[in-house]
Amino acid sequence: MEMNIIKSSKDEIEAEFGNLTIAELLRVYLNKDSSVSFAAWKRDHPTKNPILLVKTSGKTAKKAINDAVLLVTKDLDRLESDFKKLK
């Protein structure tokens, strides 16, 4: 996953992602986190990479993104396991 940190503080992070799918997936999982007060991405033009903005209260923005990535990984592992059981 390609990620470029544009702006970072304790409770806010702005990061550019090389893939719109990853930015949207993280946005969905971040918005499920009660300590995340805002998570959205923007893209100035379809040829530009999306920029994800995350604002938190109660935990750092980096921790919130890390937690979201761990949840995505856990769900994908569960999906893979369920798919293998179908064979």
PDB file of N, CA and C in Angstrom:
ATOM      1  N   MET A   1       0.848  -1.164   0.000  1.00  0.00           N
ATOM      2  CA  MET A   1       0.000   0.000   0.000  1.00  0.00           C
ATOM      3  C   MET A   1       0.902   1.238   0.000  1.00  0.00           C
ATOM      4  N   GLU A   2       0.710   2.058  -0.985  1.00  0.00           N
ATOM      5  CA  GLU A   2       1.497   3.285  -1.100  1.00  0.00           C
ATOM      6  C   GLU A   2       0.761   4.419  -0.396  1.00  0.00           C
ATOM      7  N   MET A   3       1.457   5.064   0.555  1.00  0.00           N
ATOM      8  CA  MET A   3       0.851   6.143   1.323  1.00  0.00           C
ATOM      9  C   MET A   3       1.890   7.236   1.541  1.00  0.00           C
ATOM     10  N   ASN A   4       1.489   8.468   1.288  1.00  0.00           N
ATOM     11  CA  ASN A   4       2.369   9.611   1.469  1.00  0.00           C
ATOM     12  C   ASN A   4       1.714  10.555   2.484  1.00  0.00           C
ATOM     13  N   ILE A   5       2.348  10.749   3.635  1.00  0.00           N
ATOM     14  CA  ILE A   5       1.817  11.631   4.667  1.00  0.00           C
ATOM     15  C   ILE A   5       2.030  13.085   4.238  1.00  0.00           C
ATOM     16  N   ILE A   6       0.950  13.826   4.138  1.00  0.00           N
ATOM     17  CA  ILE A   6       1.013  15.231   3.750  1.00  0.00           C
ATOM     18  C   ILE A   6       1.095  16.118   4.986  1.00  0.00           C
ATOM     19  N   LYS A   7       0.246  15.821   5.967  1.00  0.00           N
ATOM     20  CA  LYS A   7       0.182  16.611   7.193  1.00  0.00           C
ATOM     21  C   LYS A   7      -0.146  15.656   8.331  1.00  0.00           C
ATOM     22  N   SER A   8       0.535  15.825   9.460  1.00  0.00           N
ATOM     23  CA  SER A   8       0.304  14.915  10.577  1.00  0.00           C
ATOM     24  C   SER A   8       0.435  15.641  11.906  1.00  0.00           C
ATOM     25  N   SER A   9      -0.550  15.419  12.760  1.00  0.00           N
ATOM     26  CA  SER A   9      -0.487  15.864  14.146  1.00  0.00           C
ATOM     27  C   SER A   9      -1.088  14.747  14.983  1.00  0.00           C
ATOM     28  N   LYS A  10      -1.181  14.958  16.281  1.00  0.00           N
ATOM     29  CA  LYS A  10      -1.658  13.900  17.162  1.00  0.00           C
ATOM     30  C   LYS A  10      -3.060  13.431  16.784  1.00  0.00           C
ATOM     31  N   ASP A  11      -3.971  14.376  16.568  1.00  0.00           N
ATOM     32  CA  ASP A  11      -5.361  13.989  16.337  1.00  0.00           C
ATOM     33  C   ASP A  11      -5.850  14.259  14.911  1.00  0.00           C
ATOM     34  N   GLU A  12      -4.942  14.508  13.995  1.00  0.00           N
ATOM     35  CA  GLU A  12      -5.332  14.741  12.603  1.00  0.00           C
ATOM     36  C   GLU A  12      -4.211  14.292  11.674  1.00  0.00           C
ATOM     37  N   ILE A  13      -4.615  13.638  10.595  1.00  0.00           N
ATOM     38  CA  ILE A  13      -3.635  13.203   9.595  1.00  0.00           C
ATOM     39  C   ILE A  13      -4.244  13.358   8.215  1.00  0.00           C
ATOM     40  N   GLU A  14      -3.415  13.763   7.291  1.00  0.00           N
ATOM     41  CA  GLU A  14      -3.804  13.894   5.897  1.00  0.00           C
ATOM     42  C   GLU A  14      -2.803  13.081   5.099  1.00  0.00           C
ATOM     43  N   ALA A  15      -3.297  12.077   4.378  1.00  0.00           N
ATOM     44  CA  ALA A  15      -2.401  11.166   3.661  1.00  0.00           C
ATOM     45  C   ALA A  15      -2.902  10.936   2.246  1.00  0.00           C
ATOM     46  N   GLU A  16      -1.943  10.888   1.327  1.00  0.00           N
ATOM     47  CA  GLU A  16      -2.251  10.615  -0.075  1.00  0.00           C
ATOM     48  C   GLU A  16      -2.034   9.128  -0.336  1.00  0.00           C
ATOM     49  N   PHE A  17      -3.003   8.504  -0.984  1.00  0.00           N
ATOM     50  CA  PHE A  17      -2.928   7.086  -1.307  1.00  0.00           C
ATOM     51  C   PHE A  17      -2.817   6.904  -2.810  1.00  0.00           C
ATOM     52  N   GLY A  18      -2.101   5.892  -3.224  1.00  0.00           N
ATOM     53  CA  GLY A  18      -1.925   5.600  -4.632  1.00  0.00           C
ATOM     54  C   GLY A  18      -3.097   4.863  -5.240  1.00  0.00           C
ATOM     55  N   ASN A  19      -4.099   4.541  -4.413  1.00  0.00           N
ATOM     56  CA  ASN A  19      -5.208   3.723  -4.872  1.00  0.00           C
ATOM     57  C   ASN A  19      -6.500   4.215  -4.238  1.00  0.00           C
ATOM     58  N   LEU A  20      -7.504   4.512  -5.056  1.00  0.00           N
ATOM     59  CA  LEU A  20      -8.791   4.990  -4.551  1.00  0.00           C
ATOM     60  C   LEU A  20      -9.515   3.926  -3.734  1.00  0.00           C
ATOM     61  N   THR A  21      -9.373   2.672  -4.113  1.00  0.00           N
ATOM     62  CA  THR A  21     -10.046   1.584  -3.400  1.00  0.00           C
ATOM     63  C   THR A  21      -9.570   1.503  -1.954  1.00  0.00           C
ATOM     64  N   ILE A  22      -8.292   1.645  -1.730  1.00  0.00           N
ATOM     65  CA  ILE A  22      -7.737   1.604  -0.372  1.00  0.00           C
ATOM     66  C   ILE A  22      -8.241   2.788   0.440  1.00  0.00           C
ATOM     67  N   ALA A  23      -8.251   3.972  -0.157  1.00  0.00           N
ATOM     68  CA  ALA A  23      -8.735   5.159   0.549  1.00  0.00           C
ATOM     69  C   ALA A  23     -10.197   4.998   0.957  1.00  0.00           C
ATOM     70  N   GLU A  24     -11.026   4.466   0.065  1.00  0.00           N
ATOM     71  CA  GLU A  24     -12.449   4.279   0.372  1.00  0.00           C
ATOM     72  C   GLU A  24     -12.649   3.195   1.422  1.00  0.00           C
ATOM     73  N   LEU A  25     -11.905   2.115   1.315  1.00  0.00           N
ATOM     74  CA  LEU A  25     -12.008   1.035   2.296  1.00  0.00           C
ATOM     75  C   LEU A  25     -11.622   1.519   3.686  1.00  0.00           C
ATOM     76  N   LEU A  26     -10.536   2.261   3.780  1.00  0.00           N
ATOM     77  CA  LEU A  26     -10.121   2.818   5.075  1.00  0.00           C
ATOM     78  C   LEU A  26     -11.155   3.816   5.606  1.00  0.00           C
ATOM     79  N   ARG A  27     -11.728   4.631   4.725  1.00  0.00           N
ATOM     80  CA  ARG A  27     -12.753   5.580   5.154  1.00  0.00           C
ATOM     81  C   ARG A  27     -13.928   4.867   5.809  1.00  0.00           C
ATOM     82  N   VAL A  28     -14.383   3.788   5.189  1.00  0.00           N
ATOM     83  CA  VAL A  28     -15.516   3.027   5.727  1.00  0.00           C
ATOM     84  C   VAL A  28     -15.180   2.463   7.109  1.00  0.00           C
ATOM     85  N   TYR A  29     -14.023   1.843   7.240  1.00  0.00           N
ATOM     86  CA  TYR A  29     -13.636   1.250   8.523  1.00  0.00           C
ATOM     87  C   TYR A  29     -13.339   2.314   9.574  1.00  0.00           C
ATOM     88  N   LEU A  30     -12.750   3.428   9.174  1.00  0.00           N
ATOM     89  CA  LEU A  30     -12.470   4.506  10.128  1.00  0.00           C
ATOM     90  C   LEU A  30     -13.764   5.100  10.673  1.00  0.00           C
ATOM     91  N   ASN A  31     -14.781   5.221   9.840  1.00  0.00           N
ATOM     92  CA  ASN A  31     -16.046   5.790  10.297  1.00  0.00           C
ATOM     93  C   ASN A  31     -16.802   4.871  11.249  1.00  0.00           C
ATOM     94  N   LYS A  32     -16.405   3.619  11.337  1.00  0.00           N
ATOM     95  CA  LYS A  32     -16.987   2.691  12.317  1.00  0.00           C
ATOM     96  C   LYS A  32     -16.360   2.862  13.695  1.00  0.00           C
ATOM     97  N   ASP A  33     -15.212   3.517  13.765  1.00  0.00           N
ATOM     98  CA  ASP A  33     -14.468   3.721  15.009  1.00  0.00           C
ATOM     99  C   ASP A  33     -15.054   4.914  15.758  1.00  0.00           C
ATOM    100  N   SER A  34     -15.454   4.700  17.000  1.00  0.00           N
ATOM    101  CA  SER A  34     -16.083   5.765  17.790  1.00  0.00           C
ATOM    102  C   SER A  34     -15.129   6.908  18.132  1.00  0.00           C
ATOM    103  N   SER A  35     -13.835   6.671  18.096  1.00  0.00           N
ATOM    104  CA  SER A  35     -12.881   7.735  18.402  1.00  0.00           C
ATOM    105  C   SER A  35     -12.532   8.582  17.175  1.00  0.00           C
ATOM    106  N   VAL A  36     -13.040   8.207  16.015  1.00  0.00           N
ATOM    107  CA  VAL A  36     -12.819   8.984  14.801  1.00  0.00           C
ATOM    108  C   VAL A  36     -13.987   9.951  14.626  1.00  0.00           C
ATOM    109  N   SER A  37     -13.673  11.242  14.646  1.00  0.00           N
ATOM    110  CA  SER A  37     -14.730  12.245  14.497  1.00  0.00           C
ATOM    111  C   SER A  37     -14.980  12.599  13.036  1.00  0.00           C
ATOM    112  N   PHE A  38     -13.977  12.371  12.161  1.00  0.00           N
ATOM    113  CA  PHE A  38     -14.126  12.678  10.744  1.00  0.00           C
ATOM    114  C   PHE A  38     -13.156  11.832   9.930  1.00  0.00           C
ATOM    115  N   ALA A  39     -13.664  11.227   8.872  1.00  0.00           N
ATOM    116  CA  ALA A  39     -12.814  10.491   7.931  1.00  0.00           C
ATOM    117  C   ALA A  39     -13.442  10.587   6.547  1.00  0.00           C
ATOM    118  N   ALA A  40     -12.718  11.190   5.634  1.00  0.00           N
ATOM    119  CA  ALA A  40     -13.206  11.343   4.264  1.00  0.00           C
ATOM    120  C   ALA A  40     -12.012  11.515   3.333  1.00  0.00           C
ATOM    121  N   TRP A  41     -12.245  11.194   2.071  1.00  0.00           N
ATOM    122  CA  TRP A  41     -11.191  11.400   1.085  1.00  0.00           C
ATOM    123  C   TRP A  41     -11.680  12.382   0.045  1.00  0.00           C
ATOM    124  N   LYS A  42     -10.728  13.009  -0.622  1.00  0.00           N
ATOM    125  CA  LYS A  42     -11.041  13.907  -1.736  1.00  0.00           C
ATOM    126  C   LYS A  42     -10.028  13.661  -2.838  1.00  0.00           C
ATOM    127  N   ARG A  43     -10.422  14.046  -4.027  1.00  0.00           N
ATOM    128  CA  ARG A  43      -9.524  13.932  -5.171  1.00  0.00           C
ATOM    129  C   ARG A  43      -9.787  15.144  -6.052  1.00  0.00           C
ATOM    130  N   ASP A  44      -8.775  15.955  -6.277  1.00  0.00           N
ATOM    131  CA  ASP A  44      -8.943  17.181  -7.040  1.00  0.00           C
ATOM    132  C   ASP A  44      -9.316  16.928  -8.501  1.00  0.00           C
ATOM    133  N   HIS A  45      -8.845  15.817  -9.035  1.00  0.00           N
ATOM    134  CA  HIS A  45      -9.090  15.474 -10.435  1.00  0.00           C
ATOM    135  C   HIS A  45      -8.961  13.961 -10.565  1.00  0.00           C
ATOM    136  N   PRO A  46      -9.719  13.336 -11.471  1.00  0.00           N
ATOM    137  CA  PRO A  46      -9.633  11.868 -11.615  1.00  0.00           C
ATOM    138  C   PRO A  46      -8.232  11.336 -11.890  1.00  0.00           C
ATOM    139  N   THR A  47      -7.349  12.174 -12.398  1.00  0.00           N
ATOM    140  CA  THR A  47      -5.979  11.719 -12.652  1.00  0.00           C
ATOM    141  C   THR A  47      -5.082  11.859 -11.423  1.00  0.00           C
ATOM    142  N   LYS A  48      -5.580  12.496 -10.368  1.00  0.00           N
ATOM    143  CA  LYS A  48      -4.813  12.711  -9.138  1.00  0.00           C
ATOM    144  C   LYS A  48      -5.125  11.609  -8.128  1.00  0.00           C
ATOM    145  N   ASN A  49      -4.205  11.376  -7.211  1.00  0.00           N
ATOM    146  CA  ASN A  49      -4.408  10.389  -6.151  1.00  0.00           C
ATOM    147  C   ASN A  49      -5.345  10.948  -5.079  1.00  0.00           C
ATOM    148  N   PRO A  50      -6.124  10.080  -4.433  1.00  0.00           N
ATOM    149  CA  PRO A  50      -7.013  10.543  -3.371  1.00  0.00           C
ATOM    150  C   PRO A  50      -6.236  10.915  -2.112  1.00  0.00           C
ATOM    151  N   ILE A  51      -6.771  11.877  -1.387  1.00  0.00           N
ATOM    152  CA  ILE A  51      -6.184  12.317  -0.122  1.00  0.00           C
ATOM    153  C   ILE A  51      -7.202  12.043   0.975  1.00  0.00           C
ATOM    154  N   LEU A  52      -6.795  11.260   1.960  1.00  0.00           N
ATOM    155  CA  LEU A  52      -7.659  10.885   3.082  1.00  0.00           C
ATOM    156  C   LEU A  52      -7.360  11.789   4.269  1.00  0.00           C
ATOM    157  N   LEU A  53      -8.417  12.385   4.825  1.00  0.00           N
ATOM    158  CA  LEU A  53      -8.289  13.219   6.012  1.00  0.00           C
ATOM    159  C   LEU A  53      -8.972  12.503   7.168  1.00  0.00           C
ATOM    160  N   VAL A  54      -8.257  12.349   8.270  1.00  0.00           N
ATOM    161  CA  VAL A  54      -8.774  11.670   9.453  1.00  0.00           C
ATOM    162  C   VAL A  54      -8.578  12.567  10.664  1.00  0.00           C
ATOM    163  N   LYS A  55      -9.673  12.790  11.410  1.00  0.00           N
ATOM    164  CA  LYS A  55      -9.612  13.557  12.655  1.00  0.00           C
ATOM    165  C   LYS A  55     -10.137  12.660  13.773  1.00  0.00           C
ATOM    166  N   THR A  56      -9.448  12.670  14.898  1.00  0.00           N
ATOM    167  CA  THR A  56      -9.816  11.787  16.005  1.00  0.00           C
ATOM    168  C   THR A  56      -9.899  12.542  17.322  1.00  0.00           C
ATOM    169  N   SER A  57     -10.504  11.874  18.279  1.00  0.00           N
ATOM    170  CA  SER A  57     -10.477  12.328  19.675  1.00  0.00           C
ATOM    171  C   SER A  57     -10.450  11.083  20.541  1.00  0.00           C
ATOM    172  N   GLY A  58      -9.496  10.996  21.422  1.00  0.00           N
ATOM    173  CA  GLY A  58      -9.376   9.821  22.277  1.00  0.00           C
ATOM    174  C   GLY A  58      -8.228   8.898  21.911  1.00  0.00           C
ATOM    175  N   LYS A  59      -7.804   8.922  20.668  1.00  0.00           N
ATOM    176  CA  LYS A  59      -6.625   8.169  20.226  1.00  0.00           C
ATOM    177  C   LYS A  59      -5.990   8.921  19.085  1.00  0.00           C
ATOM    178  N   THR A  60      -4.741   8.602  18.813  1.00  0.00           N
ATOM    179  CA  THR A  60      -4.052   9.316  17.739  1.00  0.00           C
ATOM    180  C   THR A  60      -4.614   8.894  16.379  1.00  0.00           C
ATOM    181  N   ALA A  61      -4.458   9.771  15.408  1.00  0.00           N
ATOM    182  CA  ALA A  61      -4.940   9.478  14.061  1.00  0.00           C
ATOM    183  C   ALA A  61      -4.176   8.300  13.456  1.00  0.00           C
ATOM    184  N   LYS A  62      -2.879   8.217  13.739  1.00  0.00           N
ATOM    185  CA  LYS A  62      -2.083   7.093  13.232  1.00  0.00           C
ATOM    186  C   LYS A  62      -2.578   5.770  13.804  1.00  0.00           C
ATOM    187  N   LYS A  63      -2.920   5.771  15.095  1.00  0.00           N
ATOM    188  CA  LYS A  63      -3.444   4.562  15.743  1.00  0.00           C
ATOM    189  C   LYS A  63      -4.780   4.173  15.123  1.00  0.00           C
ATOM    190  N   ALA A  64      -5.620   5.164  14.834  1.00  0.00           N
ATOM    191  CA  ALA A  64      -6.915   4.890  14.219  1.00  0.00           C
ATOM    192  C   ALA A  64      -6.749   4.245  12.847  1.00  0.00           C
ATOM    193  N   ILE A  65      -5.814   4.759  12.048  1.00  0.00           N
ATOM    194  CA  ILE A  65      -5.560   4.159  10.735  1.00  0.00           C
ATOM    195  C   ILE A  65      -5.002   2.753  10.890  1.00  0.00           C
ATOM    196  N   ASN A  66      -4.092   2.576  11.815  1.00  0.00           N
ATOM    197  CA  ASN A  66      -3.522   1.247  12.058  1.00  0.00           C
ATOM    198  C   ASN A  66      -4.615   0.264  12.486  1.00  0.00           C
ATOM    199  N   ASP A  67      -5.508   0.687  13.373  1.00  0.00           N
ATOM    200  CA  ASP A  67      -6.608  -0.171  13.815  1.00  0.00           C
ATOM    201  C   ASP A  67      -7.521  -0.533  12.645  1.00  0.00           C
ATOM    202  N   ALA A  68      -7.781   0.439  11.768  1.00  0.00           N
ATOM    203  CA  ALA A  68      -8.628   0.180  10.602  1.00  0.00           C
ATOM    204  C   ALA A  68      -7.975  -0.846   9.675  1.00  0.00           C
ATOM    205  N   VAL A  69      -6.675  -0.704   9.461  1.00  0.00           N
ATOM    206  CA  VAL A  69      -5.952  -1.661   8.610  1.00  0.00           C
ATOM    207  C   VAL A  69      -6.006  -3.063   9.217  1.00  0.00           C
ATOM    208  N   LEU A  70      -5.840  -3.162  10.527  1.00  0.00           N
ATOM    209  CA  LEU A  70      -5.912  -4.466  11.195  1.00  0.00           C
ATOM    210  C   LEU A  70      -7.303  -5.086  11.051  1.00  0.00           C
ATOM    211  N   LEU A  71      -8.356  -4.277  11.165  1.00  0.00           N
ATOM    212  CA  LEU A  71      -9.715  -4.793  11.001  1.00  0.00           C
ATOM    213  C   LEU A  71      -9.979  -5.249   9.569  1.00  0.00           C
ATOM    214  N   VAL A  72      -9.481  -4.494   8.605  1.00  0.00           N
ATOM    215  CA  VAL A  72      -9.625  -4.887   7.199  1.00  0.00           C
ATOM    216  C   VAL A  72      -8.933  -6.222   6.972  1.00  0.00           C
ATOM    217  N   THR A  73      -7.719  -6.360   7.481  1.00  0.00           N
ATOM    218  CA  THR A  73      -6.957  -7.603   7.336  1.00  0.00           C
ATOM    219  C   THR A  73      -7.686  -8.771   7.979  1.00  0.00           C
ATOM    220  N   LYS A  74      -8.223  -8.547   9.162  1.00  0.00           N
ATOM    221  CA  LYS A  74      -8.958  -9.595   9.873  1.00  0.00           C
ATOM    222  C   LYS A  74     -10.194 -10.027   9.077  1.00  0.00           C
ATOM    223  N   ASP A  75     -10.944  -9.064   8.547  1.00  0.00           N
ATOM    224  CA  ASP A  75     -12.128  -9.389   7.762  1.00  0.00           C
ATOM    225  C   ASP A  75     -11.768 -10.113   6.466  1.00  0.00           C
ATOM    226  N   LEU A  76     -10.682  -9.703   5.822  1.00  0.00           N
ATOM    227  CA  LEU A  76     -10.258 -10.380   4.599  1.00  0.00           C
ATOM    228  C   LEU A  76      -9.789 -11.804   4.879  1.00  0.00           C
ATOM    229  N   ASP A  77      -9.106 -12.010   5.999  1.00  0.00           N
ATOM    230  CA  ASP A  77      -8.694 -13.364   6.382  1.00  0.00           C
ATOM    231  C   ASP A  77      -9.915 -14.250   6.636  1.00  0.00           C
ATOM    232  N   ARG A  78     -10.917 -13.684   7.294  1.00  0.00           N
ATOM    233  CA  ARG A  78     -12.147 -14.435   7.564  1.00  0.00           C
ATOM    234  C   ARG A  78     -12.863 -14.762   6.253  1.00  0.00           C
ATOM    235  N   LEU A  79     -12.898 -13.823   5.336  1.00  0.00           N
ATOM    236  CA  LEU A  79     -13.526 -14.035   4.037  1.00  0.00           C
ATOM    237  C   LEU A  79     -12.795 -15.124   3.258  1.00  0.00           C
ATOM    238  N   GLU A  80     -11.465 -15.092   3.292  1.00  0.00           N
ATOM    239  CA  GLU A  80     -10.678 -16.112   2.607  1.00  0.00           C
ATOM    240  C   GLU A  80     -10.936 -17.492   3.201  1.00  0.00           C
ATOM    241  N   SER A  81     -11.003 -17.553   4.518  1.00  0.00           N
ATOM    242  CA  SER A  81     -11.268 -18.820   5.194  1.00  0.00           C
ATOM    243  C   SER A  81     -12.650 -19.361   4.823  1.00  0.00           C
ATOM    244  N   ASP A  82     -13.651 -18.493   4.811  1.00  0.00           N
ATOM    245  CA  ASP A  82     -15.007 -18.911   4.451  1.00  0.00           C
ATOM    246  C   ASP A  82     -15.062 -19.375   2.997  1.00  0.00           C
ATOM    247  N   PHE A  83     -14.328 -18.707   2.130  1.00  0.00           N
ATOM    248  CA  PHE A  83     -14.306 -19.077   0.723  1.00  0.00           C
ATOM    249  C   PHE A  83     -13.665 -20.449   0.527  1.00  0.00           C
ATOM    250  N   LYS A  84     -12.591 -20.725   1.262  1.00  0.00           N
ATOM    251  CA  LYS A  84     -11.918 -22.015   1.144  1.00  0.00           C
ATOM    252  C   LYS A  84     -12.803 -23.152   1.626  1.00  0.00           C
ATOM    253  N   LYS A  85     -13.685 -22.874   2.588  1.00  0.00           N
ATOM    254  CA  LYS A  85     -14.600 -23.897   3.097  1.00  0.00           C
ATOM    255  C   LYS A  85     -15.640 -24.289   2.050  1.00  0.00           C
ATOM    256  N   LEU A  86     -15.871 -23.448   1.065  1.00  0.00           N
ATOM    257  CA  LEU A  86     -16.857 -23.737   0.023  1.00  0.00           C
ATOM    258  C   LEU A  86     -16.408 -24.811  -0.928  1.00  0.00           C
ATOM    259  N   LYS A  87     -15.107 -25.070  -1.023  1.00  0.00           N
ATOM    260  CA  LYS A  87     -14.568 -26.052  -1.969  1.00  0.00           C
ATOM    261  C   LYS A  87     -14.928 -27.452  -1.597  1.00  0.00           C
TER     262      LYS A  87
END
